[in-house]
């Protein structure tokens, strides 16, 4: 099925986690991956101005080697990244054109909207800029990537009907996750008639190694299917999806993804039931029952990043990956301007307003011990 007039297979090549050699992008391996990807009939490539070296590697591996009409290229504008003026933000577009040599972008996104980051695009009126570039033929489709609440997504799409697509974090683990709200965000986008590009279908690789109880369910259903394949096919099966981005880092990952996405068909009812069983198994794993309502944050006298800390701890419990959990805590707590749990003065005001009756002080102590 075509979306936005484009016939695109449901697997997209995310160019954020490219293979490296001696800490530099291995362009020769990227060329091989691009060749295999295109040979299998896939055409969607996704990069960004902030992905270090990615746009340049895209030029070497793709743009300089293939006809421009044989693929779709998406990149992104990060107006929140050290831009002091509108000219700074606009310059990113011209720099992306120069780095990639693409001539135009099939899909151009305002990058990572949500909270304070959204304000940067409003401040510099990047909305009118992308409309102008579309009118000039330098952008074919306008969209944005998004990491925030469905309420904010609703507000943005109501104000900007020119948006044609939204890039959302969607996977079977986050579908009902209160910290991500994949389902609710997806439903808002579709209600506004927007097509969807899916990012993080394998949750940064963590669903390639989900909890053991989940692995057992998938292996019992199909011993030959990779664990990652269940996650990507789940995302691709949703209505209105342009493509599902996979941040492939080597040829082996590329080949695995191609093997089950080359001739993708909708999931059978039995396969959907299997994924539902996996979701139920994940829900049985004992997690901190935080719903990210953030009532606690409103009364905390020292601004502890409580819900962000709890979400990070839940990530550690589910996937046993301390590095990823600490990265999540850095993002949700430190980079959002909150204090770490060790700054807690144990006043207890948070516990008085918590609808879930969480022993917040005890849990914060446990989180710090586990994540330190």
Protein backbone atom coordinates (compact mmCIF):
# COMPACT_ATOMS: atom_id res chain seq x y z
CA UNK A 1 0.00 0.00 0.00
CA UNK A 2 1.25 3.51 -0.79
CA UNK A 3 1.31 6.28 1.80
CA UNK A 4 1.83 9.92 0.80
CA UNK A 5 1.95 8.70 -2.78
CA UNK A 6 5.11 6.70 -2.12
CA UNK A 7 5.41 2.95 -2.66
CA UNK A 8 7.82 2.02 0.11
CA UNK A 9 8.60 -1.40 1.54
CA UNK A 10 8.04 -1.67 5.27
CA UNK A 11 11.72 -1.81 6.31
CA UNK A 12 13.74 1.40 6.53
CA UNK A 13 17.50 1.69 7.06
CA UNK A 14 18.14 3.82 10.16
CA UNK A 15 21.59 5.38 9.76
CA UNK A 16 22.22 6.31 13.40
CA UNK A 17 24.09 3.20 14.57
CA UNK A 18 26.39 2.61 11.60
CA UNK A 19 29.29 0.15 11.90
CA UNK A 20 32.62 1.62 12.99
CA UNK A 21 36.24 0.69 12.50
CA UNK A 22 38.85 2.33 14.72
CA UNK A 23 36.03 4.54 16.06
CA UNK A 24 35.25 5.91 12.57
CA UNK A 25 32.25 4.93 10.44
CA UNK A 26 33.22 1.95 8.29
CA UNK A 27 32.01 3.31 4.96
CA UNK A 28 33.02 0.18 3.03
CA UNK A 29 30.78 -1.98 5.22
CA UNK A 30 28.01 0.62 4.94
CA UNK A 31 28.32 0.39 1.13
CA UNK A 32 27.84 -3.37 1.31
CA UNK A 33 24.80 -2.93 3.54
CA UNK A 34 23.32 -0.31 1.22
CA UNK A 35 23.87 -2.60 -1.77
CA UNK A 36 22.12 -5.52 -0.10
CA UNK A 37 19.29 -3.33 1.14
CA UNK A 38 18.53 -1.88 -2.29
CA UNK A 39 18.99 -5.23 -4.05
CA UNK A 40 16.25 -6.64 -1.81
CA UNK A 41 13.85 -3.90 -2.95
CA UNK A 42 14.03 -1.59 0.06
CA UNK A 43 14.44 2.14 -0.56
CA UNK A 44 13.97 4.25 2.63
CA UNK A 45 17.05 5.71 4.37
CA UNK A 46 16.89 7.80 7.55
CA UNK A 47 19.68 10.04 8.83
CA UNK A 48 19.89 13.33 10.76
CA UNK A 49 21.99 16.47 11.06
CA UNK A 50 22.99 15.47 14.62
CA UNK A 51 24.09 11.90 13.76
CA UNK A 52 27.85 12.31 13.81
CA UNK A 53 29.27 11.48 10.37
CA UNK A 54 26.06 9.85 9.17
CA UNK A 55 25.05 12.33 6.48
CA UNK A 56 28.55 12.25 5.00
CA UNK A 57 28.58 8.43 5.03
CA UNK A 58 25.16 8.48 3.36
CA UNK A 59 26.63 10.49 0.50
CA UNK A 60 29.57 8.12 0.04
CA UNK A 61 27.63 4.87 0.38
CA UNK A 62 24.34 5.82 -1.27
CA UNK A 63 23.98 9.19 -3.01
CA UNK A 64 27.22 9.08 -5.01
CA UNK A 65 26.57 5.49 -6.12
CA UNK A 66 22.88 5.25 -7.03
CA UNK A 67 20.38 7.25 -9.14
CA UNK A 68 18.53 9.79 -6.99
CA UNK A 69 15.11 8.47 -8.00
CA UNK A 70 15.95 4.93 -6.79
CA UNK A 71 15.59 5.67 -3.06
CA UNK A 72 13.94 7.94 -0.50
CA UNK A 73 16.12 9.92 1.90
CA UNK A 74 14.99 11.40 5.20
CA UNK A 75 16.97 13.73 7.44
CA UNK A 76 16.17 15.96 10.40
CA UNK A 77 16.59 19.47 11.73
CA UNK A 78 17.60 19.96 15.39
CA UNK A 79 16.77 23.60 16.09
CA UNK A 80 17.33 22.96 19.81
CA UNK A 81 20.99 22.03 19.27
CA UNK A 82 22.96 25.17 20.13
CA UNK A 83 20.96 27.39 17.78
CA UNK A 84 20.88 30.99 18.93
CA UNK A 85 19.14 32.48 15.90
CA UNK A 86 16.75 31.39 13.15
CA UNK A 87 19.67 31.60 10.76
CA UNK A 88 21.52 28.98 12.82
CA UNK A 89 18.55 26.61 12.60
CA UNK A 90 17.97 27.24 8.90
CA UNK A 91 21.67 26.65 8.19
CA UNK A 92 21.25 23.03 9.26
CA UNK A 93 19.09 22.40 6.22
CA UNK A 94 21.69 23.78 3.83
CA UNK A 95 24.43 21.86 5.61
CA UNK A 96 22.45 18.63 5.31
CA UNK A 97 22.02 19.24 1.58
CA UNK A 98 25.77 19.83 1.26
CA UNK A 99 26.77 16.84 3.38
CA UNK A 100 24.48 14.39 1.59
CA UNK A 101 24.62 15.87 -1.90
CA UNK A 102 21.05 14.63 -2.26
CA UNK A 103 19.63 17.70 -4.03
CA UNK A 104 16.37 17.41 -2.10
CA UNK A 105 14.90 15.40 0.77
CA UNK A 106 11.97 13.07 0.29
CA UNK A 107 11.13 13.30 3.99
CA UNK A 108 12.30 16.19 6.18
CA UNK A 109 11.68 16.09 9.90
CA UNK A 110 11.84 18.54 12.74
CA UNK A 111 13.85 16.41 15.13
CA UNK A 112 12.74 15.13 18.54
CA UNK A 113 9.83 17.40 19.43
CA UNK A 114 8.64 17.41 23.02
CA UNK A 115 8.72 19.88 25.89
CA UNK A 116 11.40 22.57 25.63
CA UNK A 117 12.63 21.20 22.32
CA UNK A 118 9.29 22.00 20.67
CA UNK A 119 9.68 25.62 21.76
CA UNK A 120 12.88 25.99 19.74
CA UNK A 121 11.06 25.17 16.49
CA UNK A 122 8.28 27.59 17.41
CA UNK A 123 10.72 30.32 18.39
CA UNK A 124 12.56 30.15 15.07
CA UNK A 125 9.35 29.52 13.09
CA UNK A 126 10.79 26.46 11.44
CA UNK A 127 7.26 25.47 10.46
CA UNK A 128 7.06 28.21 7.84
CA UNK A 129 10.62 27.38 6.72
CA UNK A 130 9.80 23.76 5.88
CA UNK A 131 6.62 24.86 4.09
CA UNK A 132 8.71 27.23 1.96
CA UNK A 133 11.22 24.51 1.13
CA UNK A 134 8.44 22.15 0.18
CA UNK A 135 7.02 24.79 -2.17
CA UNK A 136 10.50 25.09 -3.72
CA UNK A 137 10.65 21.33 -4.27
CA UNK A 138 13.55 20.80 -1.84
CA UNK A 139 11.32 18.89 0.59
CA UNK A 140 8.68 16.45 -0.58
CA UNK A 141 7.05 15.53 2.73
CA UNK A 142 7.00 17.45 6.04
CA UNK A 143 7.04 15.65 9.36
CA UNK A 144 8.63 15.46 12.79
CA UNK A 145 9.96 12.88 15.22
CA UNK A 146 8.44 12.91 18.66
CA UNK A 147 9.20 11.77 22.22
CA UNK A 148 6.55 13.15 24.55
CA UNK A 149 2.92 12.84 25.59
CA UNK A 150 -0.13 12.22 23.41
CA UNK A 151 -1.58 15.46 24.74
CA UNK A 152 1.36 17.46 23.39
CA UNK A 153 1.21 15.58 20.11
CA UNK A 154 -2.46 16.48 19.80
CA UNK A 155 -1.65 20.14 20.40
CA UNK A 156 1.14 20.22 17.80
CA UNK A 157 -0.90 18.49 15.10
CA UNK A 158 -3.88 20.73 15.77
CA UNK A 159 -1.69 23.81 15.27
CA UNK A 160 0.15 22.41 12.24
CA UNK A 161 -2.14 20.66 9.76
CA UNK A 162 0.66 20.84 7.19
CA UNK A 163 2.37 17.90 8.91
CA UNK A 164 2.04 14.79 6.72
CA UNK A 165 3.76 12.18 8.86
CA UNK A 166 5.06 11.63 12.39
CA UNK A 167 7.96 9.46 13.49
CA UNK A 168 7.09 7.65 16.73
CA UNK A 169 8.70 5.18 19.11
CA UNK A 170 6.53 2.09 18.78
CA UNK A 171 7.19 -1.50 19.84
CA UNK A 172 5.27 -4.26 21.56
CA UNK A 173 6.94 -3.53 24.92
CA UNK A 174 6.08 0.20 24.90
CA UNK A 175 2.59 -0.07 23.42
CA UNK A 176 1.01 0.53 26.85
CA UNK A 177 4.14 1.74 28.68
CA UNK A 178 3.02 4.85 30.64
CA UNK A 179 6.43 6.45 30.13
CA UNK A 180 6.23 6.15 26.31
CA UNK A 181 2.49 5.78 25.52
CA UNK A 182 3.09 4.32 22.06
CA UNK A 183 -0.52 3.34 21.48
CA UNK A 184 -1.96 6.69 22.52
CA UNK A 185 0.53 8.66 20.39
CA UNK A 186 -0.09 6.41 17.40
CA UNK A 187 -3.85 6.88 17.72
CA UNK A 188 -3.48 10.68 17.90
CA UNK A 189 -1.35 10.72 14.74
CA UNK A 190 -3.79 8.54 12.82
CA UNK A 191 -6.78 10.58 14.03
CA UNK A 192 -5.15 13.61 12.37
CA UNK A 193 -4.66 11.68 9.14
CA UNK A 194 -0.89 11.47 9.53
CA UNK A 195 1.09 8.53 8.25
CA UNK A 196 3.60 7.05 10.71
CA UNK A 197 7.28 6.17 10.50
CA UNK A 198 8.24 3.86 13.35
CA UNK A 199 11.50 4.18 15.27
CA UNK A 200 12.86 1.99 18.07
CA UNK A 201 10.85 -1.10 17.01
CA UNK A 202 13.45 -3.28 18.78
CA UNK A 203 13.88 -0.72 21.60
CA UNK A 204 17.53 0.02 20.89
CA UNK A 205 18.26 -3.68 20.47
CA UNK A 206 16.78 -4.72 23.81
CA UNK A 207 13.91 -6.68 22.24
CA UNK A 208 16.50 -8.79 20.46
CA UNK A 209 17.18 -10.10 23.96
CA UNK A 210 13.90 -9.74 25.90
CA UNK A 211 13.19 -11.31 29.31
CA UNK A 212 13.54 -15.11 29.36
CA UNK A 213 9.80 -15.65 29.83
CA UNK A 214 9.18 -13.70 26.62
CA UNK A 215 11.88 -15.57 24.74
CA UNK A 216 10.28 -18.89 25.66
CA UNK A 217 6.93 -17.79 24.21
CA UNK A 218 8.43 -16.69 20.90
CA UNK A 219 10.65 -19.76 20.54
CA UNK A 220 7.75 -22.07 21.24
CA UNK A 221 5.75 -20.35 18.50
CA UNK A 222 8.56 -20.38 15.90
CA UNK A 223 11.96 -21.76 16.80
CA UNK A 224 13.52 -20.44 13.58
CA UNK A 225 12.38 -16.78 13.84
CA UNK A 226 14.80 -14.30 15.41
CA UNK A 227 13.56 -12.52 18.50
CA UNK A 228 14.06 -9.16 16.77
CA UNK A 229 11.82 -10.28 13.90
CA UNK A 230 8.80 -10.46 16.17
CA UNK A 231 9.33 -6.84 17.22
CA UNK A 232 9.80 -5.45 13.70
CA UNK A 233 6.89 -7.41 12.22
CA UNK A 234 4.63 -6.24 15.07
CA UNK A 235 5.39 -2.62 14.21
CA UNK A 236 5.10 -3.14 10.44
CA UNK A 237 1.65 -4.68 10.84
CA UNK A 238 0.07 -1.44 12.09
CA UNK A 239 -2.17 0.53 9.73
CA UNK A 240 -0.84 3.73 8.19
CA UNK A 241 2.84 2.85 8.64
CA UNK A 242 5.15 4.16 5.90
CA UNK A 243 8.12 2.13 7.10
CA UNK A 244 9.76 0.66 10.19
CA UNK A 245 13.28 1.92 10.85
CA UNK A 246 15.91 -0.54 11.95
CA UNK A 247 19.24 0.88 13.10
CA UNK A 248 21.31 -1.88 11.52
CA UNK A 249 24.96 -1.92 12.60
CA UNK A 250 26.40 -4.78 10.56
CA UNK A 251 25.75 -7.00 7.53
CA UNK A 252 24.42 -9.83 9.70
CA UNK A 253 21.65 -7.65 11.15
CA UNK A 254 20.87 -6.43 7.64
CA UNK A 255 20.53 -9.98 6.33
CA UNK A 256 18.32 -11.04 9.24
CA UNK A 257 15.97 -8.10 8.72
CA UNK A 258 15.80 -8.64 4.97
CA UNK A 259 15.03 -12.35 5.40
CA UNK A 260 11.65 -11.76 7.06
CA UNK A 261 10.75 -8.31 5.66
CA UNK A 262 11.47 -8.84 1.95
CA UNK A 263 8.08 -10.40 1.38
CA UNK A 264 6.30 -9.00 4.45
CA UNK A 265 2.69 -9.99 4.90
CA UNK A 266 0.30 -9.02 7.66
CA UNK A 267 0.60 -11.08 10.80
CA UNK A 268 -1.70 -14.04 11.22
CA UNK A 269 -4.10 -14.13 14.15
CA UNK A 270 -1.93 -16.83 15.71
CA UNK A 271 1.13 -14.57 15.49
CA UNK A 272 -0.78 -11.66 17.01
CA UNK A 273 -1.88 -13.95 19.84
CA UNK A 274 1.74 -14.93 20.44
CA UNK A 275 2.81 -11.30 20.73
CA UNK A 276 -0.08 -10.62 23.10
CA UNK A 277 1.11 -13.52 25.26
CA UNK A 278 4.59 -11.96 25.27
CA UNK A 279 3.16 -8.60 26.34
CA UNK A 280 1.24 -10.32 29.15
CA UNK A 281 4.42 -12.10 30.26
CA UNK A 282 6.22 -8.77 30.44
CA UNK A 283 3.42 -7.28 32.52
CA UNK A 284 3.87 -10.08 35.09
CA UNK A 285 7.46 -9.07 35.76
CA UNK A 286 7.44 -7.11 39.06
CA UNK A 287 8.06 -3.47 38.21
CA UNK A 288 7.65 -0.22 40.12
CA UNK A 289 3.98 0.63 39.33
CA UNK A 290 4.69 4.23 38.30
CA UNK A 291 2.29 5.65 35.70
CA UNK A 292 4.33 8.86 35.13
CA UNK A 293 1.49 11.06 36.35
CA UNK A 294 4.24 13.18 38.01
CA UNK A 295 2.08 14.32 40.92
CA UNK A 296 5.17 13.58 43.01
CA UNK A 297 7.26 15.98 40.94
CA UNK A 298 4.81 18.81 41.61
CA UNK A 299 5.35 18.60 45.38
CA UNK A 300 9.01 17.56 45.58
CA UNK A 301 10.89 20.48 47.20
CA UNK A 302 14.21 19.56 45.56
CA UNK A 303 12.93 18.45 42.12
CA UNK A 304 14.02 14.82 42.13
CA UNK A 305 13.46 13.11 38.78
CA UNK A 306 11.28 10.46 40.39
CA UNK A 307 9.37 9.02 37.45
CA UNK A 308 12.47 9.06 35.25
CA UNK A 309 14.41 7.16 37.88
CA UNK A 310 11.63 4.58 38.22
CA UNK A 311 11.37 4.13 34.45
CA UNK A 312 15.12 3.52 34.29
CA UNK A 313 14.92 0.96 37.08
CA UNK A 314 12.10 -0.84 35.30
CA UNK A 315 14.26 -0.92 32.17
CA UNK A 316 17.04 -2.58 34.16
CA UNK A 317 14.62 -5.12 35.63
CA UNK A 318 13.21 -6.06 32.23
CA UNK A 319 16.32 -6.15 30.05
CA UNK A 320 19.22 -6.55 32.52
CA UNK A 321 21.19 -3.91 30.63
CA UNK A 322 22.71 -1.50 33.11
CA UNK A 323 24.31 0.71 30.48
CA UNK A 324 20.99 1.31 28.73
CA UNK A 325 19.19 1.90 32.03
CA UNK A 326 21.77 4.47 33.14
CA UNK A 327 21.56 6.16 29.75
CA UNK A 328 17.79 6.37 30.16
CA UNK A 329 18.23 7.92 33.62
CA UNK A 330 20.68 10.47 32.25
CA UNK A 331 18.12 11.41 29.57
CA UNK A 332 14.96 11.45 31.70
CA UNK A 333 16.49 12.94 34.84
CA UNK A 334 19.71 14.90 34.29
CA UNK A 335 19.05 16.22 30.78
CA UNK A 336 15.53 17.24 31.74
CA UNK A 337 16.95 19.41 34.54
CA UNK A 338 15.97 17.21 37.50
CA UNK A 339 18.12 16.09 40.41
CA UNK A 340 19.26 12.54 40.97
CA UNK A 341 17.69 10.37 43.66
CA UNK A 342 20.64 10.81 46.04
CA UNK A 343 19.51 14.43 46.56
CA UNK A 344 16.29 13.20 48.23
CA UNK A 345 15.73 14.75 51.69
CA UNK A 346 13.18 12.02 52.57
CA UNK A 347 10.42 14.48 53.46
CA UNK A 348 7.71 12.09 52.24
CA UNK A 349 5.55 14.69 50.49
CA UNK A 350 5.70 12.65 47.29
CA UNK A 351 4.21 9.58 48.94
CA UNK A 352 1.24 11.59 50.20
CA UNK A 353 0.11 12.40 46.65
CA UNK A 354 1.09 9.19 44.80
CA UNK A 355 -2.10 7.58 43.36
CA UNK A 356 -0.28 4.23 43.16
CA UNK A 357 0.75 4.35 46.85
CA UNK A 358 4.39 3.67 45.98
CA UNK A 359 6.91 3.73 48.83
CA UNK A 360 8.83 6.32 46.86
CA UNK A 361 11.62 6.96 49.37
CA UNK A 362 12.45 3.27 49.66
CA UNK A 363 12.25 2.74 45.92
CA UNK A 364 14.52 5.71 45.18
CA UNK A 365 17.12 4.26 47.53
CA UNK A 366 16.86 0.87 45.81
CA UNK A 367 17.16 2.49 42.39
CA UNK A 368 20.30 4.38 43.33
CA UNK A 369 21.93 1.23 44.70
CA UNK A 370 21.05 -0.76 41.58
CA UNK A 371 21.94 1.92 39.04
CA UNK A 372 25.07 3.38 40.65
